[in-house]
């Protein structure tokens, strides 16, 4: 179960993804959905229809069938358009933490001080991604 700890920041990242285009929103929601369902997999879930239309937001029926074994606390990360997360049991026992880090073009991202990142600027992500990936967002642990 995904718990958003900073709704304003979450909305900012979603708006940024939408500004970049529909594919960016889809990539972001695919990673959020993965975190949302992590460790709460149900029998047969691996057979999910991969040919389904792009997901622009989390499906509503999730709460109806989620086992809710784990809680993913999603917070702001220091990297632009990125999140930190802590995964714990529903009882509050720590399991592990990581980040959902954005590695793409940061043009248009609004920093905390109000500065808008220009096309020739780049803020550090403090993480490394090896190999080619389709999505600019990747999960690091």
N, C-alpha and C. Protein backbone atom coordinates (compact mmCIF):
# COMPACT_ATOMS: atom_id res chain seq x y z
N UNK A 1 0.85 -1.17 0.00
CA UNK A 1 0.00 0.00 0.00
C UNK A 1 0.91 1.23 0.00
N UNK A 2 0.69 2.11 -0.93
CA UNK A 2 1.48 3.33 -1.07
C UNK A 2 0.87 4.44 -0.22
N UNK A 3 1.70 5.05 0.64
CA UNK A 3 1.27 6.15 1.48
C UNK A 3 2.06 7.39 1.07
N UNK A 4 1.38 8.38 0.55
CA UNK A 4 2.03 9.60 0.08
C UNK A 4 2.16 10.55 1.27
N UNK A 5 3.40 10.87 1.64
CA UNK A 5 3.65 11.70 2.81
C UNK A 5 3.67 13.19 2.50
N UNK A 6 3.83 13.56 1.23
CA UNK A 6 3.86 14.97 0.83
C UNK A 6 3.05 15.11 -0.45
N UNK A 7 1.74 15.31 -0.30
CA UNK A 7 0.83 15.35 -1.44
C UNK A 7 1.18 16.47 -2.41
N UNK A 8 1.58 17.62 -1.90
CA UNK A 8 1.92 18.75 -2.77
C UNK A 8 3.11 18.40 -3.68
N UNK A 9 4.13 17.78 -3.11
CA UNK A 9 5.30 17.38 -3.90
C UNK A 9 4.91 16.28 -4.89
N UNK A 10 4.12 15.31 -4.43
CA UNK A 10 3.65 14.23 -5.30
C UNK A 10 2.93 14.82 -6.52
N UNK A 11 2.04 15.77 -6.27
CA UNK A 11 1.31 16.42 -7.36
C UNK A 11 2.25 17.16 -8.30
N UNK A 12 3.30 17.78 -7.75
CA UNK A 12 4.27 18.50 -8.58
C UNK A 12 4.98 17.53 -9.53
N UNK A 13 5.37 16.36 -9.02
CA UNK A 13 6.04 15.37 -9.86
C UNK A 13 5.08 14.87 -10.95
N UNK A 14 3.82 14.64 -10.58
CA UNK A 14 2.82 14.19 -11.57
C UNK A 14 2.61 15.25 -12.65
N UNK A 15 2.55 16.52 -12.25
CA UNK A 15 2.40 17.60 -13.24
C UNK A 15 3.62 17.69 -14.15
N UNK A 16 4.81 17.51 -13.58
CA UNK A 16 6.04 17.52 -14.36
C UNK A 16 6.03 16.40 -15.40
N UNK A 17 5.64 15.20 -14.98
CA UNK A 17 5.55 14.07 -15.91
C UNK A 17 4.55 14.37 -17.02
N UNK A 18 3.40 14.92 -16.67
CA UNK A 18 2.39 15.26 -17.67
C UNK A 18 2.90 16.33 -18.64
N UNK A 19 3.67 17.30 -18.12
CA UNK A 19 4.25 18.35 -18.97
C UNK A 19 5.21 17.74 -19.99
N UNK A 20 5.92 16.69 -19.59
CA UNK A 20 6.87 16.04 -20.48
C UNK A 20 6.17 15.21 -21.55
N UNK A 21 4.94 14.78 -21.27
CA UNK A 21 4.17 14.01 -22.25
C UNK A 21 3.52 12.78 -21.64
N UNK A 22 2.57 12.23 -22.36
CA UNK A 22 1.80 11.09 -21.87
C UNK A 22 2.68 9.89 -21.54
N UNK A 23 3.73 9.67 -22.33
CA UNK A 23 4.61 8.53 -22.07
C UNK A 23 5.30 8.68 -20.72
N UNK A 24 5.67 9.90 -20.36
CA UNK A 24 6.31 10.13 -19.06
C UNK A 24 5.35 9.83 -17.91
N UNK A 25 4.10 10.25 -18.05
CA UNK A 25 3.10 9.93 -17.03
C UNK A 25 2.94 8.43 -16.89
N UNK A 26 2.90 7.73 -18.01
CA UNK A 26 2.78 6.27 -17.98
C UNK A 26 3.98 5.64 -17.27
N UNK A 27 5.18 6.09 -17.61
CA UNK A 27 6.38 5.55 -16.97
C UNK A 27 6.35 5.78 -15.46
N UNK A 28 5.98 6.99 -15.04
CA UNK A 28 5.92 7.30 -13.61
C UNK A 28 4.92 6.40 -12.91
N UNK A 29 3.70 6.27 -13.47
CA UNK A 29 2.67 5.47 -12.82
C UNK A 29 3.00 3.99 -12.80
N UNK A 30 3.74 3.50 -13.81
CA UNK A 30 4.17 2.10 -13.79
C UNK A 30 5.08 1.85 -12.59
N UNK A 31 6.01 2.75 -12.32
CA UNK A 31 6.92 2.60 -11.19
C UNK A 31 6.17 2.76 -9.86
N UNK A 32 5.26 3.73 -9.79
CA UNK A 32 4.47 3.91 -8.57
C UNK A 32 3.61 2.68 -8.29
N UNK A 33 3.02 2.13 -9.35
CA UNK A 33 2.19 0.94 -9.19
C UNK A 33 3.03 -0.23 -8.69
N UNK A 34 4.25 -0.37 -9.22
CA UNK A 34 5.15 -1.44 -8.76
C UNK A 34 5.41 -1.30 -7.26
N UNK A 35 5.73 -0.09 -6.82
CA UNK A 35 5.96 0.13 -5.39
C UNK A 35 4.69 -0.12 -4.58
N UNK A 36 3.56 0.34 -5.12
CA UNK A 36 2.27 0.22 -4.43
C UNK A 36 1.93 -1.25 -4.14
N UNK A 37 2.26 -2.12 -5.06
CA UNK A 37 1.90 -3.53 -4.91
C UNK A 37 3.05 -4.40 -4.43
N UNK A 38 4.22 -3.80 -4.19
CA UNK A 38 5.38 -4.59 -3.80
C UNK A 38 5.08 -5.38 -2.52
N UNK A 39 5.37 -6.66 -2.56
CA UNK A 39 5.18 -7.58 -1.44
C UNK A 39 3.72 -7.85 -1.13
N UNK A 40 2.81 -7.34 -1.90
CA UNK A 40 1.39 -7.63 -1.72
C UNK A 40 0.84 -8.40 -2.91
N UNK A 41 1.70 -9.15 -3.58
CA UNK A 41 1.27 -9.87 -4.77
C UNK A 41 0.26 -10.95 -4.43
N UNK A 42 -0.70 -11.12 -5.29
CA UNK A 42 -1.74 -12.13 -5.11
C UNK A 42 -1.51 -13.27 -6.08
N UNK A 43 -1.99 -14.46 -5.77
CA UNK A 43 -1.86 -15.57 -6.71
C UNK A 43 -2.45 -15.19 -8.06
N UNK A 44 -1.71 -15.45 -9.12
CA UNK A 44 -2.18 -15.15 -10.46
C UNK A 44 -1.91 -13.73 -10.91
N UNK A 45 -1.43 -12.86 -10.03
CA UNK A 45 -1.19 -11.48 -10.41
C UNK A 45 -0.11 -11.37 -11.48
N UNK A 46 0.83 -12.31 -11.47
CA UNK A 46 1.89 -12.28 -12.47
C UNK A 46 1.34 -12.51 -13.87
N UNK A 47 0.10 -12.97 -13.97
CA UNK A 47 -0.54 -13.19 -15.25
C UNK A 47 -1.31 -11.97 -15.74
N UNK A 48 -1.08 -10.81 -15.11
CA UNK A 48 -1.78 -9.58 -15.49
C UNK A 48 -1.62 -9.32 -16.98
N UNK A 49 -2.64 -8.80 -17.60
CA UNK A 49 -2.65 -8.53 -19.03
C UNK A 49 -1.64 -7.43 -19.36
N UNK A 50 -0.52 -7.82 -19.97
CA UNK A 50 0.50 -6.83 -20.31
C UNK A 50 0.11 -6.01 -21.53
N UNK A 51 -0.93 -6.43 -22.24
CA UNK A 51 -1.39 -5.68 -23.39
C UNK A 51 -2.46 -4.65 -23.03
N UNK A 52 -2.68 -4.45 -21.74
CA UNK A 52 -3.69 -3.49 -21.28
C UNK A 52 -3.30 -2.08 -21.69
N UNK A 53 -4.28 -1.17 -21.81
CA UNK A 53 -3.95 0.20 -22.18
C UNK A 53 -3.06 0.87 -21.14
N UNK A 54 -2.35 1.94 -21.51
CA UNK A 54 -1.45 2.61 -20.57
C UNK A 54 -2.18 3.06 -19.32
N UNK A 55 -1.49 2.94 -18.18
CA UNK A 55 -2.07 3.32 -16.90
C UNK A 55 -1.67 4.75 -16.58
N UNK A 56 -2.62 5.65 -16.49
CA UNK A 56 -2.34 7.04 -16.17
C UNK A 56 -2.53 7.34 -14.70
N UNK A 57 -3.14 6.42 -13.97
CA UNK A 57 -3.31 6.54 -12.53
C UNK A 57 -3.54 5.14 -11.97
N UNK A 58 -3.37 4.98 -10.69
CA UNK A 58 -3.54 3.66 -10.08
C UNK A 58 -4.99 3.21 -10.20
N UNK A 59 -5.21 1.95 -10.55
CA UNK A 59 -6.59 1.45 -10.67
C UNK A 59 -7.32 1.47 -9.33
N UNK A 60 -8.56 1.88 -9.33
CA UNK A 60 -9.34 2.00 -8.11
C UNK A 60 -9.58 0.66 -7.39
N UNK A 61 -9.80 -0.44 -8.09
CA UNK A 61 -10.13 -1.67 -7.35
C UNK A 61 -8.98 -2.21 -6.52
N UNK A 62 -7.80 -1.58 -6.57
CA UNK A 62 -6.65 -2.10 -5.81
C UNK A 62 -7.01 -2.33 -4.35
N UNK A 63 -7.64 -1.34 -3.72
CA UNK A 63 -7.95 -1.45 -2.30
C UNK A 63 -8.90 -2.59 -1.98
N UNK A 64 -9.64 -3.05 -2.98
CA UNK A 64 -10.58 -4.14 -2.75
C UNK A 64 -9.87 -5.49 -2.66
N UNK A 65 -8.73 -5.64 -3.38
CA UNK A 65 -8.08 -6.94 -3.35
C UNK A 65 -6.68 -6.95 -2.77
N UNK A 66 -6.18 -5.82 -2.32
CA UNK A 66 -4.84 -5.74 -1.74
C UNK A 66 -4.81 -6.44 -0.39
N UNK A 67 -3.79 -7.25 -0.18
CA UNK A 67 -3.65 -7.93 1.11
C UNK A 67 -3.12 -6.99 2.19
N UNK A 68 -2.53 -5.88 1.78
CA UNK A 68 -2.03 -4.86 2.70
C UNK A 68 -1.06 -5.44 3.74
N UNK A 69 -0.08 -6.22 3.24
CA UNK A 69 0.95 -6.75 4.13
C UNK A 69 2.03 -5.73 4.39
N UNK A 70 2.27 -4.84 3.43
CA UNK A 70 3.37 -3.89 3.52
C UNK A 70 2.87 -2.47 3.28
N UNK A 71 3.60 -1.49 3.82
CA UNK A 71 3.29 -0.08 3.62
C UNK A 71 4.53 0.55 2.99
N UNK A 72 4.33 1.28 1.90
CA UNK A 72 5.42 2.00 1.24
C UNK A 72 5.19 3.49 1.51
N UNK A 73 6.04 4.06 2.36
CA UNK A 73 5.95 5.49 2.70
C UNK A 73 6.77 6.27 1.69
N UNK A 74 6.09 7.08 0.87
CA UNK A 74 6.71 7.82 -0.21
C UNK A 74 6.91 9.28 0.20
N UNK A 75 8.16 9.76 0.12
CA UNK A 75 8.49 11.13 0.51
C UNK A 75 9.33 11.80 -0.58
N UNK A 76 9.60 13.06 -0.40
CA UNK A 76 10.42 13.86 -1.31
C UNK A 76 11.88 13.38 -1.25
N UNK A 77 12.53 13.36 -2.41
CA UNK A 77 13.95 13.07 -2.49
C UNK A 77 14.67 14.36 -2.87
N UNK A 78 15.98 14.43 -2.63
CA UNK A 78 16.73 15.64 -2.97
C UNK A 78 16.91 15.79 -4.48
N UNK A 79 16.81 14.70 -5.23
CA UNK A 79 16.94 14.77 -6.69
C UNK A 79 15.63 15.27 -7.31
N UNK A 80 15.72 16.08 -8.36
CA UNK A 80 14.51 16.60 -9.00
C UNK A 80 13.57 15.49 -9.49
N UNK A 81 12.27 15.70 -9.26
CA UNK A 81 11.21 14.80 -9.72
C UNK A 81 11.40 13.37 -9.22
N UNK A 82 11.98 13.22 -8.04
CA UNK A 82 12.29 11.90 -7.48
C UNK A 82 11.69 11.74 -6.09
N UNK A 83 11.57 10.49 -5.68
CA UNK A 83 11.01 10.16 -4.38
C UNK A 83 11.96 9.28 -3.58
N UNK A 84 11.91 9.37 -2.28
CA UNK A 84 12.51 8.40 -1.37
C UNK A 84 11.36 7.56 -0.83
N UNK A 85 11.66 6.32 -0.46
CA UNK A 85 10.61 5.49 0.14
C UNK A 85 11.20 4.61 1.23
N UNK A 86 10.33 4.25 2.17
CA UNK A 86 10.64 3.28 3.21
C UNK A 86 9.52 2.25 3.18
N UNK A 87 9.90 0.98 3.10
CA UNK A 87 8.90 -0.08 3.11
C UNK A 87 8.93 -0.73 4.49
N UNK A 88 7.74 -0.84 5.08
CA UNK A 88 7.59 -1.42 6.41
C UNK A 88 6.37 -2.33 6.42
N UNK A 89 6.28 -3.17 7.42
CA UNK A 89 5.08 -3.99 7.58
C UNK A 89 3.95 -3.08 8.04
N UNK A 90 2.73 -3.55 7.93
CA UNK A 90 1.61 -2.73 8.40
C UNK A 90 1.70 -2.49 9.90
N UNK A 91 2.45 -3.33 10.62
CA UNK A 91 2.67 -3.14 12.05
C UNK A 91 3.77 -2.12 12.35
N UNK A 92 4.45 -1.63 11.30
CA UNK A 92 5.46 -0.60 11.48
C UNK A 92 6.89 -1.08 11.51
N UNK A 93 7.13 -2.37 11.34
CA UNK A 93 8.50 -2.89 11.34
C UNK A 93 9.20 -2.56 10.02
N UNK A 94 10.38 -1.94 10.13
CA UNK A 94 11.16 -1.53 8.96
C UNK A 94 11.57 -2.76 8.15
N UNK A 95 11.47 -2.65 6.82
CA UNK A 95 11.93 -3.72 5.94
C UNK A 95 13.13 -3.22 5.14
N UNK A 96 12.95 -2.20 4.29
CA UNK A 96 14.08 -1.58 3.60
C UNK A 96 13.65 -0.25 3.02
N UNK A 97 14.63 0.50 2.51
CA UNK A 97 14.33 1.81 1.92
C UNK A 97 15.03 1.95 0.58
N UNK A 98 14.67 2.99 -0.15
CA UNK A 98 15.27 3.23 -1.45
C UNK A 98 14.76 4.53 -2.05
N UNK A 99 14.89 4.62 -3.36
CA UNK A 99 14.44 5.82 -4.05
C UNK A 99 13.84 5.48 -5.41
N UNK A 100 12.88 6.27 -5.81
CA UNK A 100 12.34 6.24 -7.17
C UNK A 100 12.92 7.49 -7.82
N UNK A 101 14.01 7.31 -8.56
CA UNK A 101 14.84 8.41 -9.02
C UNK A 101 14.59 8.71 -10.50
N UNK A 102 14.46 10.00 -10.78
CA UNK A 102 14.26 10.47 -12.16
C UNK A 102 15.63 10.76 -12.77
N UNK A 103 15.93 10.13 -13.91
CA UNK A 103 17.21 10.29 -14.58
C UNK A 103 17.09 10.99 -15.93
N UNK A 104 15.95 11.59 -16.21
CA UNK A 104 15.72 12.20 -17.52
C UNK A 104 16.03 13.69 -17.56
N UNK A 105 15.60 14.31 -18.64
CA UNK A 105 15.76 15.75 -18.86
C UNK A 105 15.00 16.51 -17.78
N UNK A 106 15.69 17.37 -17.06
CA UNK A 106 15.09 18.09 -15.94
C UNK A 106 14.54 19.46 -16.33
N UNK A 107 14.61 19.82 -17.59
CA UNK A 107 14.12 21.13 -18.05
C UNK A 107 12.66 21.33 -17.63
N UNK A 108 12.40 22.45 -16.95
CA UNK A 108 11.05 22.77 -16.51
C UNK A 108 10.76 22.41 -15.07
N UNK A 109 11.66 21.65 -14.42
CA UNK A 109 11.44 21.29 -13.02
C UNK A 109 11.61 22.54 -12.16
N UNK A 110 10.70 22.74 -11.22
CA UNK A 110 10.75 23.90 -10.32
C UNK A 110 11.40 23.48 -9.01
N UNK A 111 12.55 24.09 -8.70
CA UNK A 111 13.29 23.78 -7.48
C UNK A 111 12.56 24.36 -6.25
N UNK A 112 12.96 23.96 -5.06
CA UNK A 112 12.34 24.44 -3.82
C UNK A 112 12.40 25.96 -3.69
N UNK A 113 13.49 26.55 -4.22
CA UNK A 113 13.65 28.01 -4.12
C UNK A 113 12.90 28.76 -5.22
N UNK A 114 12.16 28.03 -6.07
CA UNK A 114 11.38 28.65 -7.14
C UNK A 114 12.10 28.73 -8.47
N UNK A 115 13.40 28.40 -8.48
CA UNK A 115 14.17 28.42 -9.72
C UNK A 115 13.68 27.31 -10.65
N UNK A 116 13.48 27.63 -11.92
CA UNK A 116 13.07 26.65 -12.93
C UNK A 116 14.32 26.19 -13.67
N UNK A 117 14.54 24.88 -13.70
CA UNK A 117 15.72 24.33 -14.37
C UNK A 117 15.60 24.57 -15.87
N UNK A 118 16.63 25.17 -16.45
CA UNK A 118 16.66 25.45 -17.88
C UNK A 118 17.22 24.29 -18.68
N UNK A 119 17.19 24.41 -20.02
CA UNK A 119 17.64 23.32 -20.88
C UNK A 119 19.13 22.99 -20.77
N UNK A 120 19.94 23.92 -20.31
CA UNK A 120 21.39 23.68 -20.19
C UNK A 120 21.81 23.39 -18.75
N UNK A 121 20.86 23.14 -17.86
CA UNK A 121 21.16 22.88 -16.45
C UNK A 121 20.83 21.43 -16.10
N UNK A 122 21.47 20.95 -15.04
CA UNK A 122 21.17 19.61 -14.53
C UNK A 122 21.54 19.56 -13.06
N UNK A 123 20.62 19.11 -12.23
CA UNK A 123 20.87 18.94 -10.81
C UNK A 123 21.28 17.49 -10.56
N UNK A 124 22.15 17.24 -9.57
CA UNK A 124 22.61 15.87 -9.32
C UNK A 124 21.50 14.98 -8.76
N UNK A 125 21.54 13.70 -9.12
CA UNK A 125 20.60 12.72 -8.58
C UNK A 125 21.24 11.89 -7.47
N UNK A 126 22.55 11.93 -7.36
CA UNK A 126 23.31 11.16 -6.37
C UNK A 126 23.01 9.67 -6.46
N UNK A 127 22.75 9.19 -7.67
CA UNK A 127 22.56 7.76 -7.90
C UNK A 127 23.03 7.44 -9.31
N UNK A 128 23.32 6.19 -9.53
CA UNK A 128 23.84 5.74 -10.82
C UNK A 128 22.91 4.69 -11.39
N UNK A 129 22.68 4.79 -12.67
CA UNK A 129 21.89 3.77 -13.36
C UNK A 129 22.77 3.17 -14.43
N UNK A 130 22.88 1.85 -14.42
CA UNK A 130 23.73 1.15 -15.38
C UNK A 130 22.85 0.52 -16.43
N UNK A 131 23.24 0.69 -17.69
CA UNK A 131 22.50 0.09 -18.78
C UNK A 131 21.41 1.01 -19.30
N UNK A 132 20.80 0.58 -20.37
CA UNK A 132 19.74 1.35 -21.01
C UNK A 132 18.39 0.95 -20.43
N UNK A 133 17.58 1.92 -20.11
CA UNK A 133 16.23 1.65 -19.60
C UNK A 133 15.25 2.52 -20.37
N UNK A 134 14.04 2.02 -20.54
CA UNK A 134 13.02 2.79 -21.25
C UNK A 134 12.54 3.97 -20.43
N UNK A 135 12.29 3.74 -19.17
CA UNK A 135 11.71 4.76 -18.30
C UNK A 135 12.78 5.65 -17.71
N UNK A 136 12.54 6.97 -17.62
CA UNK A 136 13.50 7.84 -16.95
C UNK A 136 13.47 7.69 -15.42
N UNK A 137 12.42 7.04 -14.87
CA UNK A 137 12.35 6.78 -13.44
C UNK A 137 12.80 5.35 -13.18
N UNK A 138 13.65 5.17 -12.19
CA UNK A 138 14.05 3.82 -11.82
C UNK A 138 14.13 3.71 -10.30
N UNK A 139 13.92 2.50 -9.82
CA UNK A 139 13.92 2.23 -8.39
C UNK A 139 15.32 1.81 -7.99
N UNK A 140 15.82 2.47 -6.94
CA UNK A 140 17.14 2.16 -6.39
C UNK A 140 16.96 1.78 -4.93
N UNK A 141 17.69 0.75 -4.50
CA UNK A 141 17.65 0.34 -3.10
C UNK A 141 19.06 0.27 -2.54
